[in-house]
Structures are given as C-alpha cells and as structure tokens.
Amino acid sequence: MSGIRLHVGGLSRHEGWFVLDANPGDHVDHVGNCNDLSFLADESCSEIYASHVLEHLGYDGEILSTLKGFHRVLQPGGRLRVSVPDMETLCRLFVHPNMKVDGRFQVMRMLFGGRLNEHDVHLSGLDFHFLGNFLTQAGFRDIRRVPEFGEFADDGSGFSFMGVPVSCNIACFK
C-alpha cells in the first residue's frame, strides 16, 4: 500500500515517515496540531503512528474529532497505531503500598504531563476501554492492544516505570 506514513508527534526523523508536530524542529515536516489534518487529502495516508499524543487532547470532543480526522486521511485498510499513558496502570502504581513519595510524584507527572513545554500537558486520562470506545466511534476496526510497537526507540510506547509497562498501545485499521 503506497501513501504517506504519518508520524504524529515524532521526536526525530525516520526514513519513510512524514513528521507532524506542534513544536518546530529540523525533523518536523509540518508544524501543527493533530486535530487539524486539513493539509492532507482524504485517504492520502497508508499509516498513522501517534505515540503519547492523544492524552494532550480534551476528552470532551477533541479526541473523537481528531480520530475521525485520522480515519478520513487513512486509506481503506490503512493502519493506525496509538499509544497513551495507561491511566489504569498508573493509578495502580500511584496507590501501591510500596510506592514512595518521589515515585508517586513521577506517576503524577505521567498522568498530567511533564510540563516541559506549553504542549506537555495532559487533558485526558485514557485506558484500553476509553480509547477503544473512541476508536470504535471514529470508525476503526480490529482494535487490539499490543505490548509495544518497537518502531521508534524514543517514543514512549515501550516505557516502563519500576519494571511495569505504563503505556496502552493499540493497533487498529480503517
């Protein structure tokens, strides 16, 4: 399948991928918000990869409209891979009796954003059920949770905290 391979929120350049990010950089092909893909034609993408991006959007309509935009630009049969901090796992870690204050603080940052720049704020807490429901509403099918993607080493989909994987990774199709 030919078409654009869109990497939303990519942190570095990777051959064969078109990088969309809210922050400019040498590796970024288009600076913008993932909730506005108007620069892309319908069915122009063969694949979309968005790791630790959707939690930066509001759960009160912005996530769903963004996923509908992803669906619009994907070709029939195109693959979407998304990763978000897994709120269920992070909540369990936060209340674990052996978790010390410093550890709870780090978990809190994973839930609400690291605040390293103006965009590094989380507006939504997602898990497999919440995100799966949004994906279904947007028209995606074959929604499956996977352990990690391994596509990009720097994207967070394989991140663990205290030996516990903390990302909810989902692959699905248009």
Foldseek 3Di string as FASTA:
>chain_A
DDAAEEEECDPAADPRHAYEYCDDDPRHNHHDALLDPVVAAFQRHQEYEYEARLQLFAPPPSSLSSLLVVNRNHHAFRKYKYKAFALVVLVCQLPPPPQDPVNNVVSVCSQAFVPPDPSRGGNDHDHLVSVVVSNVSSPWDPKDWDQADPPDPPRLRNDDDPNHRGMTMIMIGD
